[in-house]
């Protein structure tokens, strides 16, 4: 009998879903839904680094994407759907009321950005992150020790505290906090009460200072010392977390009817998109999966005996079972990657305002492809401009979101293509810095797998990345690594496969391309990389 599973991937701009036949291993259908409010730019203010998403966007996109998926399947196949898995961006938390309802779904908070989900790239809580670090480093337990020793403003507690501090009105109903990847399964299974939510080990460990070593989340004493506004919030979070090969429960009859799915569908415990993407890409021990998009996430899994109690500083966490149960998941990454290229495109697009409105979009769409064509013809020389990739701060090594980017070595003869080349190389230098940091800390990486839009669409970027990192990079053939990984979680959670490894081996896809470093560029890139590091030190000290 056919057994179908669905993988749902909530990205920054849209929700994507695939259906997978667990018997044949074939992908049967896929569909994408763009968040309607986000598309309009509502509730965001880039000038203040505020990025918020309305929970209704997530609901509307879920309904649209599932119906779009099912419309591609014969009715008899729909009846064989047994489970679904969900990944989301992270850390993307939201304040909820006592019943677990995101505040923005209450009438009085419907248009309040602080009542919405705070997107991963929102950097409004830098002050709160600084205070968390200062307190944790002098507390009897350093709750940042398994998050690389530095807590980020991109994460759970900093964002929630900032919203509570700046918005007196939401304090009236705010009772708990939930990650997007935990809310979706809780919503679909009817387990929204804070004490009933099966919280993701992945999100809690990497973003919420959760660890078995201190019994769960930070103590209520610590949170209250941080700010009395957090009084009671720790007590409402269950200290038990779950790996994403577990079921969060069954789809409620109401949601089964609304989505057009069968009864008794299992919903897997949620997972962060990068970690799901790593599963979908076929991650194994000592493999780095590099999710290359607007930002990057670098995921490595390693056996426990390799870590042997060692704490890796300067990364975004080491969590037992956050990717593959039984292995330690390590996370690193860059706060901006594709966003760096998009910024340069926007700068160049300014002059398009001089064109008639009807011609602007078409001209803007040609900018990056034209830059890629020109830059591929440029030589690599020691005198090339050098840039630092911290346009959205630095994530790894050693998070510091106050840092800024820079470009040096430009002259009156420097062209837009040469500046674009320096930006691409800067993002690759940032990746090399991460790889070298892990190696210095004794983390073995035998191969790199690239996934995400840039890995599939930009040979120039990927070849440069391979040249500068000095390793071959396999590009996963799947265009939906996150959704595929979420589907694999669903297949294990529903009992089709006994473990994540067997699901990955059977349902995984091949590699579309392998980029091999070109020896002729290595020496020059070593020189440029040294300049990158010196420029980065100058920017850090500036």
Protein backbone atom coordinates (compact mmCIF):
# COMPACT_ATOMS: atom_id res chain seq x y z
CA UNK A 1 0.00 0.00 0.00
CA UNK A 2 1.21 3.49 -0.88
CA UNK A 3 2.05 5.69 2.07
CA UNK A 4 2.41 9.38 1.28
CA UNK A 5 3.91 12.08 3.45
CA UNK A 6 3.95 15.86 3.10
CA UNK A 7 6.88 18.16 3.87
CA UNK A 8 6.14 21.84 4.49
CA UNK A 9 8.91 24.42 4.44
CA UNK A 10 8.16 27.91 5.80
CA UNK A 11 10.82 30.18 4.33
CA UNK A 12 11.38 33.91 4.62
CA UNK A 13 9.09 34.89 1.74
CA UNK A 14 6.88 31.88 1.09
CA UNK A 15 5.61 28.49 2.17
CA UNK A 16 6.55 25.48 0.02
CA UNK A 17 5.25 21.92 0.20
CA UNK A 18 5.98 18.61 -1.45
CA UNK A 19 4.28 15.21 -1.33
CA UNK A 20 6.45 12.12 -1.25
CA UNK A 21 5.65 8.45 -1.89
CA UNK A 22 7.54 6.57 0.82
CA UNK A 23 7.28 3.28 -1.12
CA UNK A 24 8.75 4.44 -4.42
CA UNK A 25 10.71 7.37 -2.99
CA UNK A 26 9.31 9.65 -5.70
CA UNK A 27 8.23 13.26 -5.28
CA UNK A 28 4.64 13.41 -6.56
CA UNK A 29 3.74 17.08 -6.37
CA UNK A 30 4.89 20.46 -5.10
CA UNK A 31 3.30 23.85 -4.54
CA UNK A 32 4.37 27.30 -3.29
CA UNK A 33 2.38 30.05 -1.59
CA UNK A 34 3.74 33.58 -1.05
CA UNK A 35 2.82 35.26 2.26
CA UNK A 36 0.28 37.94 1.22
CA UNK A 37 0.97 40.52 3.95
CA UNK A 38 4.73 40.03 3.82
CA UNK A 39 4.70 40.54 0.05
CA UNK A 40 3.18 43.98 0.62
CA UNK A 41 5.96 44.87 3.06
CA UNK A 42 3.54 45.24 5.96
CA UNK A 43 4.76 45.47 9.57
CA UNK A 44 8.47 45.71 8.61
CA UNK A 45 10.86 48.63 8.89
CA UNK A 46 14.25 47.81 7.34
CA UNK A 47 15.72 51.13 8.51
CA UNK A 48 15.37 49.94 12.12
CA UNK A 49 16.06 46.25 11.35
CA UNK A 50 12.47 45.32 12.23
CA UNK A 51 11.08 42.30 10.38
CA UNK A 52 7.73 40.89 11.52
CA UNK A 53 5.35 38.33 10.04
CA UNK A 54 1.67 38.02 10.81
CA UNK A 55 0.53 34.56 12.00
CA UNK A 56 -2.44 34.82 9.64
CA UNK A 57 0.06 34.75 6.75
CA UNK A 58 1.25 31.38 7.97
CA UNK A 59 -2.30 30.05 8.21
CA UNK A 60 -3.42 31.39 4.85
CA UNK A 61 -0.32 30.06 3.12
CA UNK A 62 -0.72 26.66 4.75
CA UNK A 63 -4.27 26.30 3.47
CA UNK A 64 -3.29 27.48 0.00
CA UNK A 65 -0.21 25.31 -0.28
CA UNK A 66 -1.94 22.11 0.87
CA UNK A 67 -4.92 22.61 -1.43
CA UNK A 68 -2.53 23.40 -4.29
CA UNK A 69 -0.63 20.21 -3.54
CA UNK A 70 -3.71 18.00 -3.27
CA UNK A 71 -5.12 19.36 -6.53
CA UNK A 72 -2.20 17.65 -8.29
CA UNK A 73 -2.93 14.24 -6.75
CA UNK A 74 -5.64 11.71 -7.63
CA UNK A 75 -8.21 11.24 -4.82
CA UNK A 76 -7.00 7.71 -4.10
CA UNK A 77 -3.49 9.02 -3.40
CA UNK A 78 -4.83 11.74 -1.10
CA UNK A 79 -6.42 9.05 1.01
CA UNK A 80 -2.99 7.46 1.51
CA UNK A 81 -1.42 10.54 3.14
CA UNK A 82 -0.36 9.46 6.61
CA UNK A 83 1.86 12.23 7.99
CA UNK A 84 3.22 15.72 7.50
CA UNK A 85 6.33 17.48 8.77
CA UNK A 86 6.99 21.19 9.12
CA UNK A 87 10.12 23.30 9.19
CA UNK A 88 10.26 27.07 9.64
CA UNK A 89 12.78 29.88 9.83
CA UNK A 90 14.35 30.37 13.22
CA UNK A 91 14.60 31.89 15.60
CA UNK A 92 11.13 33.26 14.81
CA UNK A 93 9.27 33.57 18.15
CA UNK A 94 5.95 35.16 19.10
CA UNK A 95 4.29 36.12 22.38
CA UNK A 96 1.07 34.26 23.12
CA UNK A 97 -1.81 34.49 25.56
CA UNK A 98 -2.61 31.88 28.24
CA UNK A 99 -4.30 29.65 25.65
CA UNK A 100 -1.28 29.69 23.37
CA UNK A 101 -2.80 32.00 20.78
CA UNK A 102 -0.31 34.37 19.11
CA UNK A 103 -1.29 37.85 20.26
CA UNK A 104 -1.66 39.19 16.71
CA UNK A 105 -4.62 36.82 16.21
CA UNK A 106 -6.50 38.65 18.97
CA UNK A 107 -8.60 41.59 17.69
CA UNK A 108 -6.93 44.20 19.87
CA UNK A 109 -3.45 43.30 18.57
CA UNK A 110 -4.21 42.53 14.92
CA UNK A 111 -1.95 45.24 13.50
CA UNK A 112 0.64 45.43 16.28
CA UNK A 113 4.08 44.31 15.00
CA UNK A 114 5.21 43.42 18.53
CA UNK A 115 2.34 40.92 18.76
CA UNK A 116 3.54 39.08 15.64
CA UNK A 117 6.23 36.54 14.90
CA UNK A 118 9.64 38.20 15.01
CA UNK A 119 11.52 37.00 11.96
CA UNK A 120 14.98 35.45 12.20
CA UNK A 121 16.69 38.51 10.68
CA UNK A 122 15.07 41.05 13.01
CA UNK A 123 17.87 42.80 14.91
CA UNK A 124 15.88 45.10 17.19
CA UNK A 125 16.96 43.28 20.37
CA UNK A 126 20.72 43.86 20.39
CA UNK A 127 20.57 45.53 23.81
CA UNK A 128 18.64 42.57 25.28
CA UNK A 129 21.15 40.08 23.86
CA UNK A 130 24.01 42.06 25.42
CA UNK A 131 22.27 41.93 28.80
CA UNK A 132 21.66 38.17 28.50
CA UNK A 133 25.35 37.62 27.77
CA UNK A 134 26.50 39.83 30.64
CA UNK A 135 24.24 38.08 33.17
CA UNK A 136 24.89 34.55 31.91
CA UNK A 137 28.65 34.98 32.03
CA UNK A 138 28.56 35.82 35.74
CA UNK A 139 25.71 33.44 36.70
CA UNK A 140 26.53 30.14 38.43
CA UNK A 141 25.50 28.42 35.20
CA UNK A 142 26.56 29.98 31.91
CA UNK A 143 23.43 29.39 29.86
CA UNK A 144 25.22 30.55 26.70
CA UNK A 145 27.90 27.86 26.93
CA UNK A 146 26.17 25.57 24.43
CA UNK A 147 25.34 28.46 22.10
CA UNK A 148 28.97 29.24 21.35
CA UNK A 149 29.33 31.41 24.47
CA UNK A 150 27.50 34.38 22.93
CA UNK A 151 23.73 34.79 22.79
CA UNK A 152 22.40 36.50 19.66
CA UNK A 153 19.80 39.21 19.16
CA UNK A 154 18.37 36.92 16.45
CA UNK A 155 17.19 34.46 19.10
CA UNK A 156 14.20 33.55 21.26
CA UNK A 157 14.67 35.22 24.67
CA UNK A 158 16.22 38.47 23.42
CA UNK A 159 13.38 39.05 20.95
CA UNK A 160 10.60 38.26 23.41
CA UNK A 161 12.10 40.49 26.09
CA UNK A 162 12.51 43.38 23.66
CA UNK A 163 8.86 43.18 22.62
CA UNK A 164 7.73 43.15 26.25
CA UNK A 165 9.91 46.11 27.10
CA UNK A 166 8.92 48.40 24.26
CA UNK A 167 5.20 47.66 24.20
CA UNK A 168 3.25 48.11 27.40
CA UNK A 169 -0.04 47.10 25.77
CA UNK A 170 1.02 43.55 24.88
CA UNK A 171 2.07 42.89 28.48
CA UNK A 172 -1.64 42.77 29.38
CA UNK A 173 -2.18 39.47 27.56
CA UNK A 174 1.34 38.08 27.00
CA UNK A 175 1.74 34.88 28.96
CA UNK A 176 4.14 32.65 27.04
CA UNK A 177 6.45 32.48 24.01
CA UNK A 178 6.43 30.07 21.10
CA UNK A 179 8.71 29.44 18.14
CA UNK A 180 7.10 29.32 14.71
CA UNK A 181 8.28 25.71 14.23
CA UNK A 182 6.51 24.75 17.49
CA UNK A 183 3.33 26.72 16.84
CA UNK A 184 2.44 25.07 13.53
CA UNK A 185 2.35 21.47 14.89
CA UNK A 186 0.63 22.69 18.07
CA UNK A 187 -2.01 24.49 16.01
CA UNK A 188 -2.68 21.49 13.75
CA UNK A 189 -2.87 18.99 16.63
CA UNK A 190 -4.88 21.18 19.03
CA UNK A 191 -2.12 21.29 21.65
CA UNK A 192 -1.68 25.05 21.92
CA UNK A 193 -1.64 25.43 25.70
CA UNK A 194 1.95 26.36 26.63
CA UNK A 195 2.29 23.38 28.95
CA UNK A 196 1.06 20.95 26.25
CA UNK A 197 3.28 22.04 23.35
CA UNK A 198 5.84 19.46 22.22
CA UNK A 199 8.73 21.82 21.75
CA UNK A 200 11.45 21.22 19.20
CA UNK A 201 14.84 20.11 20.54
CA UNK A 202 16.35 21.87 17.54
CA UNK A 203 14.85 25.31 18.25
CA UNK A 204 15.09 25.10 22.04
CA UNK A 205 18.71 24.00 22.05
CA UNK A 206 20.09 26.32 19.38
CA UNK A 207 17.97 29.41 20.08
CA UNK A 208 16.43 29.10 23.56
CA UNK A 209 19.38 28.22 25.85
CA UNK A 210 17.86 24.79 26.52
CA UNK A 211 20.20 21.97 27.59
CA UNK A 212 19.89 18.70 29.46
CA UNK A 213 22.98 19.68 31.47
CA UNK A 214 20.98 22.28 33.43
CA UNK A 215 17.60 20.58 33.25
CA UNK A 216 15.98 22.45 30.37
CA UNK A 217 15.50 26.17 29.80
CA UNK A 218 17.24 28.78 31.98
CA UNK A 219 15.86 28.92 35.51
CA UNK A 220 13.07 31.31 36.36
CA UNK A 221 15.47 32.96 38.81
CA UNK A 222 17.82 33.79 35.96
CA UNK A 223 15.03 35.11 33.74
CA UNK A 224 13.57 37.26 36.51
CA UNK A 225 17.00 38.64 37.33
CA UNK A 226 17.37 39.53 33.67
CA UNK A 227 14.09 41.47 33.78
CA UNK A 228 11.04 41.14 36.07
CA UNK A 229 8.91 41.32 32.91
CA UNK A 230 9.88 37.67 32.33
CA UNK A 231 8.45 36.58 35.68
CA UNK A 232 6.49 33.35 35.16
CA UNK A 233 7.54 32.83 31.54
CA UNK A 234 10.10 30.15 32.35
CA UNK A 235 7.65 28.18 34.46
CA UNK A 236 5.21 27.95 31.52
CA UNK A 237 7.72 26.27 29.22
CA UNK A 238 8.00 22.50 29.60
CA UNK A 239 11.61 21.50 30.08
CA UNK A 240 11.13 18.36 27.99
CA UNK A 241 11.91 18.75 24.30
CA UNK A 242 11.56 16.37 21.37
CA UNK A 243 13.60 15.46 18.33
CA UNK A 244 11.80 15.79 15.01
CA UNK A 245 11.47 12.05 14.44
CA UNK A 246 8.65 12.14 17.02
CA UNK A 247 4.97 12.79 16.41
CA UNK A 248 3.54 15.95 17.97
CA UNK A 249 0.06 14.38 17.69
CA UNK A 250 -2.66 13.73 15.17
CA UNK A 251 -4.24 16.32 12.89
CA UNK A 252 -7.48 17.52 14.50
CA UNK A 253 -10.73 16.73 12.70
CA UNK A 254 -11.27 20.45 12.11
CA UNK A 255 -7.89 20.89 10.43
CA UNK A 256 -8.25 17.64 8.49
CA UNK A 257 -11.49 18.96 7.01
CA UNK A 258 -10.12 22.44 6.37
CA UNK A 259 -7.03 21.11 4.60
CA UNK A 260 -8.80 18.26 2.80
CA UNK A 261 -6.58 15.62 4.43
CA UNK A 262 -7.52 12.22 5.87
CA UNK A 263 -8.20 11.68 9.55
CA UNK A 264 -5.40 10.38 11.79
CA UNK A 265 -2.57 12.13 9.97
CA UNK A 266 0.54 12.33 12.16
CA UNK A 267 2.19 15.74 12.54
CA UNK A 268 5.92 15.55 13.24
CA UNK A 269 7.58 17.73 15.88
CA UNK A 270 8.79 20.91 14.19
CA UNK A 271 12.33 21.71 13.13
CA UNK A 272 14.26 24.79 11.95
CA UNK A 273 14.54 25.09 8.17
CA UNK A 274 18.33 24.84 7.93
CA UNK A 275 18.39 21.64 9.97
CA UNK A 276 15.58 20.16 7.88
CA UNK A 277 17.49 21.19 4.76
CA UNK A 278 20.54 19.36 6.06
CA UNK A 279 18.47 16.19 6.47
CA UNK A 280 17.02 16.63 2.98
CA UNK A 281 20.51 17.08 1.55
CA UNK A 282 21.67 13.77 3.02
CA UNK A 283 23.81 14.94 5.91
CA UNK A 284 25.93 12.29 7.63
CA UNK A 285 28.62 12.40 10.31
CA UNK A 286 31.51 14.77 9.44
CA UNK A 287 29.55 16.39 6.60
CA UNK A 288 28.85 20.13 6.42
CA UNK A 289 25.61 21.09 4.71
CA UNK A 290 25.74 24.72 3.62
CA UNK A 291 22.30 26.22 3.07
CA UNK A 292 23.02 29.10 0.73
CA UNK A 293 20.31 31.72 0.40
CA UNK A 294 19.69 35.25 1.67
CA UNK A 295 21.88 34.22 4.61
CA UNK A 296 23.68 30.93 5.19
CA UNK A 297 23.39 28.23 7.78
CA UNK A 298 26.21 25.70 8.07
CA UNK A 299 25.10 22.47 9.71
CA UNK A 300 27.53 19.75 10.83
CA UNK A 301 26.67 16.54 12.69
CA UNK A 302 29.32 14.69 14.62
CA UNK A 303 29.40 11.63 16.88
CA UNK A 304 29.29 12.33 20.60
CA UNK A 305 32.67 10.70 21.15
CA UNK A 306 34.27 13.25 18.80
CA UNK A 307 33.07 16.13 20.97
CA UNK A 308 33.78 14.33 24.26
CA UNK A 309 32.39 17.12 26.44
CA UNK A 310 34.16 19.90 24.54
CA UNK A 311 32.27 23.18 24.14
CA UNK A 312 32.83 24.82 20.74
CA UNK A 313 33.04 28.60 21.16
CA UNK A 314 31.79 31.16 18.67
CA UNK A 315 29.13 29.05 16.90
CA UNK A 316 25.33 29.00 17.07
CA UNK A 317 25.03 25.99 19.28
CA UNK A 318 25.79 22.30 19.74
CA UNK A 319 22.72 20.25 20.51
CA UNK A 320 22.28 16.51 20.93
CA UNK A 321 19.72 15.36 18.36
CA UNK A 322 18.94 18.73 16.81
CA UNK A 323 19.42 17.25 13.32
CA UNK A 324 19.94 13.47 13.54
CA UNK A 325 18.96 11.79 16.83
CA UNK A 326 22.06 10.35 18.48
CA UNK A 327 24.47 12.81 16.87
CA UNK A 328 25.53 16.27 18.02
CA UNK A 329 24.24 19.00 15.72
CA UNK A 330 26.53 22.01 15.26
CA UNK A 331 25.26 25.22 13.68
CA UNK A 332 27.16 28.17 12.24
CA UNK A 333 26.45 30.60 9.41
CA UNK A 334 26.52 34.07 7.92
CA UNK A 335 23.93 36.77 8.57
CA UNK A 336 24.01 37.89 4.94
CA UNK A 337 24.96 36.04 1.77
CA UNK A 338 22.48 36.46 -1.09
CA UNK A 339 21.26 39.59 0.70
CA UNK A 340 24.69 41.11 -0.02
CA UNK A 341 24.20 40.63 -3.74
CA UNK A 342 20.62 41.89 -3.51
CA UNK A 343 21.90 45.05 -1.80
CA UNK A 344 24.30 45.76 -4.66
CA UNK A 345 21.50 45.16 -7.14
CA UNK A 346 19.34 47.68 -5.27
CA UNK A 347 22.13 50.25 -5.33
CA UNK A 348 22.51 49.84 -9.08
CA UNK A 349 18.72 49.90 -9.52
CA UNK A 350 18.46 53.47 -8.23
CA UNK A 351 19.13 54.89 -11.69
CA UNK A 352 16.21 52.87 -13.06
CA UNK A 353 13.92 55.40 -11.41
CA UNK A 354 14.78 57.57 -14.40
CA UNK A 355 13.06 55.08 -16.71
CA UNK A 356 9.31 54.91 -17.36
CA UNK A 357 7.67 52.85 -14.61
CA UNK A 358 6.71 50.04 -16.96
CA UNK A 359 10.33 49.39 -17.95
CA UNK A 360 11.90 49.34 -14.48
CA UNK A 361 11.10 45.80 -13.35
CA UNK A 362 12.37 44.19 -16.54
CA UNK A 363 15.61 46.19 -16.42
CA UNK A 364 16.15 45.41 -12.72
CA UNK A 365 15.71 41.68 -13.37
CA UNK A 366 18.64 41.77 -15.82
CA UNK A 367 21.15 43.33 -13.40
CA UNK A 368 22.41 40.24 -11.53
CA UNK A 369 22.51 37.95 -14.59
CA UNK A 370 24.48 40.61 -16.46
CA UNK A 371 26.86 41.06 -13.53
CA UNK A 372 27.42 37.30 -13.39
CA UNK A 373 28.30 37.24 -17.09
CA UNK A 374 30.77 40.10 -16.76
CA UNK A 375 32.40 38.93 -13.56
CA UNK A 376 33.14 35.46 -14.93
CA UNK A 377 35.44 37.12 -17.47
CA UNK A 378 37.43 39.01 -14.84
CA UNK A 379 40.85 37.70 -13.74
CA UNK A 380 41.69 37.08 -10.09
CA UNK A 381 44.57 39.36 -9.08
CA UNK A 382 46.28 40.47 -5.89
CA UNK A 383 45.19 44.08 -6.49
CA UNK A 384 41.46 43.29 -6.68
CA UNK A 385 39.10 45.21 -4.39
CA UNK A 386 38.43 43.38 -1.12
CA UNK A 387 35.15 43.53 0.83
CA UNK A 388 33.91 42.35 4.23
CA UNK A 389 30.56 40.56 4.17
CA UNK A 390 29.13 41.86 7.47
CA UNK A 391 26.40 44.00 5.88
CA UNK A 392 23.92 42.41 8.30
CA UNK A 393 26.37 41.82 11.12
CA UNK A 394 28.41 38.67 11.77
CA UNK A 395 26.88 35.38 12.87
CA UNK A 396 29.96 33.08 12.94
CA UNK A 397 32.59 32.95 14.21
CA UNK A 398 31.63 34.88 17.36
CA UNK A 399 28.35 36.61 16.71
CA UNK A 400 28.40 40.40 16.64
CA UNK A 401 25.43 41.94 14.88
CA UNK A 402 26.69 45.49 15.42
CA UNK A 403 29.45 44.99 12.85
CA UNK A 404 29.21 46.60 9.43
CA UNK A 405 30.51 45.73 5.98
CA UNK A 406 33.23 47.49 4.01
CA UNK A 407 34.87 47.64 0.58
CA UNK A 408 38.47 48.68 0.05
CA UNK A 409 40.88 49.00 -2.85
CA UNK A 410 38.53 50.79 -5.24
CA UNK A 411 39.66 53.45 -7.69
CA UNK A 412 38.06 55.71 -10.29
CA UNK A 413 38.48 52.82 -12.73
CA UNK A 414 36.63 50.25 -10.58
CA UNK A 415 33.55 48.87 -12.34
CA UNK A 416 30.24 47.62 -10.90
CA UNK A 417 31.26 44.09 -11.92
CA UNK A 418 34.52 44.35 -9.98
CA UNK A 419 32.66 45.48 -6.88
CA UNK A 420 30.20 42.61 -7.34
CA UNK A 421 33.17 40.24 -7.62
CA UNK A 422 34.58 41.56 -4.34
CA UNK A 423 31.20 41.00 -2.65
CA UNK A 424 30.95 37.41 -3.89
CA UNK A 425 34.50 36.74 -2.71
CA UNK A 426 33.70 38.35 0.65
CA UNK A 427 30.83 35.95 1.26
CA UNK A 428 33.13 33.07 0.32
CA UNK A 429 35.86 34.39 2.64
CA UNK A 430 33.26 34.43 5.43
CA UNK A 431 32.53 30.77 4.70
CA UNK A 432 36.23 29.95 4.80
CA UNK A 433 36.55 31.67 8.18
CA UNK A 434 33.82 29.40 9.55
CA UNK A 435 35.47 26.27 8.16
CA UNK A 436 38.85 27.25 9.63
CA UNK A 437 37.28 28.04 13.01
CA UNK A 438 35.66 24.60 13.19
CA UNK A 439 38.91 22.91 12.19
CA UNK A 440 40.80 24.84 14.87
CA UNK A 441 38.31 23.58 17.45
CA UNK A 442 38.82 19.98 16.34
CA UNK A 443 35.60 19.49 14.37
CA UNK A 444 36.28 17.19 11.43
CA UNK A 445 34.52 18.00 8.14
CA UNK A 446 35.15 15.56 5.28
CA UNK A 447 32.80 17.01 2.66
CA UNK A 448 30.56 19.99 1.93
CA UNK A 449 27.09 19.82 0.41
CA UNK A 450 25.44 22.97 -0.92
CA UNK A 451 21.68 23.46 -0.97
CA UNK A 452 19.40 26.43 -1.56
CA UNK A 453 18.59 28.73 -4.41
CA UNK A 454 22.05 30.17 -4.97
CA UNK A 455 23.68 26.72 -5.07
CA UNK A 456 21.36 25.73 -7.92
CA UNK A 457 21.27 29.02 -9.83
CA UNK A 458 24.73 30.59 -9.64
CA UNK A 459 27.68 28.51 -10.91
CA UNK A 460 29.97 31.52 -10.53
CA UNK A 461 29.20 31.93 -6.81
CA UNK A 462 29.54 28.21 -6.11
CA UNK A 463 32.81 27.86 -8.02
CA UNK A 464 34.23 30.86 -6.16
CA UNK A 465 33.06 29.32 -2.90
CA UNK A 466 34.85 26.06 -3.72
CA UNK A 467 38.02 27.90 -4.78
CA UNK A 468 38.18 29.98 -1.61
CA UNK A 469 37.12 27.27 0.86
CA UNK A 470 39.54 24.89 -0.84
CA UNK A 471 37.15 21.92 -0.81
CA UNK A 472 34.90 20.22 -3.37
CA UNK A 473 31.25 21.20 -2.96
CA UNK A 474 28.45 18.85 -3.98
CA UNK A 475 25.17 20.54 -4.88
CA UNK A 476 22.08 18.62 -3.82
CA UNK A 477 19.76 18.00 -6.76
CA UNK A 478 16.60 18.73 -4.80
CA UNK A 479 15.22 22.24 -5.12
CA UNK A 480 13.26 21.80 -1.90
CA UNK A 481 15.77 20.42 0.60
CA UNK A 482 13.88 21.85 3.58
CA UNK A 483 10.52 20.39 2.54
CA UNK A 484 12.20 17.08 1.68
CA UNK A 485 13.84 16.96 5.11
CA UNK A 486 10.51 17.78 6.79
CA UNK A 487 8.88 14.98 4.80
CA UNK A 488 11.59 12.58 5.99
CA UNK A 489 10.85 13.61 9.59
CA UNK A 490 7.17 12.86 8.95
CA UNK A 491 8.03 9.44 7.51
CA UNK A 492 9.98 8.49 10.66
CA UNK A 493 7.46 10.07 13.07
CA UNK A 494 4.67 7.98 11.52
CA UNK A 495 6.68 4.76 11.75
CA UNK A 496 7.33 4.17 8.04
CA UNK A 497 11.08 4.18 8.69
CA UNK A 498 12.73 3.20 11.98
CA UNK A 499 15.27 6.03 11.98
CA UNK A 500 16.24 9.23 10.19
CA UNK A 501 19.26 7.59 8.59
CA UNK A 502 17.17 4.95 6.83
CA UNK A 503 14.60 7.51 5.68
CA UNK A 504 17.37 9.72 4.30
CA UNK A 505 19.06 6.85 2.51
CA UNK A 506 15.85 5.69 0.80
CA UNK A 507 14.15 9.03 0.12
CA UNK A 508 17.23 11.14 -0.57
CA UNK A 509 18.04 12.55 -3.98
CA UNK A 510 21.35 12.65 -5.87
CA UNK A 511 23.70 15.57 -6.53
CA UNK A 512 23.34 17.78 -9.59
CA UNK A 513 26.88 19.20 -9.72
CA UNK A 514 30.23 18.99 -7.99
CA UNK A 515 32.46 22.08 -7.88
CA UNK A 516 36.18 21.39 -7.49
CA UNK A 517 38.64 24.07 -6.31
CA UNK A 518 40.88 25.41 -9.07
CA UNK A 519 44.51 25.19 -8.02
CA UNK A 520 45.54 28.17 -10.14
CA UNK A 521 43.51 30.56 -7.96
CA UNK A 522 44.51 29.23 -4.55
CA UNK A 523 47.63 31.31 -4.02
CA UNK A 524 46.00 34.60 -5.00
CA UNK A 525 42.93 33.85 -2.90
CA UNK A 526 45.20 33.18 0.09
CA UNK A 527 46.59 36.70 -0.33
CA UNK A 528 43.13 38.25 -0.73
CA UNK A 529 41.83 36.25 2.25
CA UNK A 530 44.63 37.66 4.40
CA UNK A 531 43.55 41.16 3.31
CA UNK A 532 39.92 40.22 4.17
CA UNK A 533 40.95 39.20 7.68
CA UNK A 534 42.96 42.39 8.21
CA UNK A 535 40.10 44.52 6.90
CA UNK A 536 37.71 42.64 9.18
CA UNK A 537 39.91 43.35 12.19
CA UNK A 538 39.99 47.02 11.25
CA UNK A 539 36.17 47.07 10.95
CA UNK A 540 35.85 45.30 14.32
CA UNK A 541 38.10 47.87 16.01
CA UNK A 542 36.68 50.90 14.19
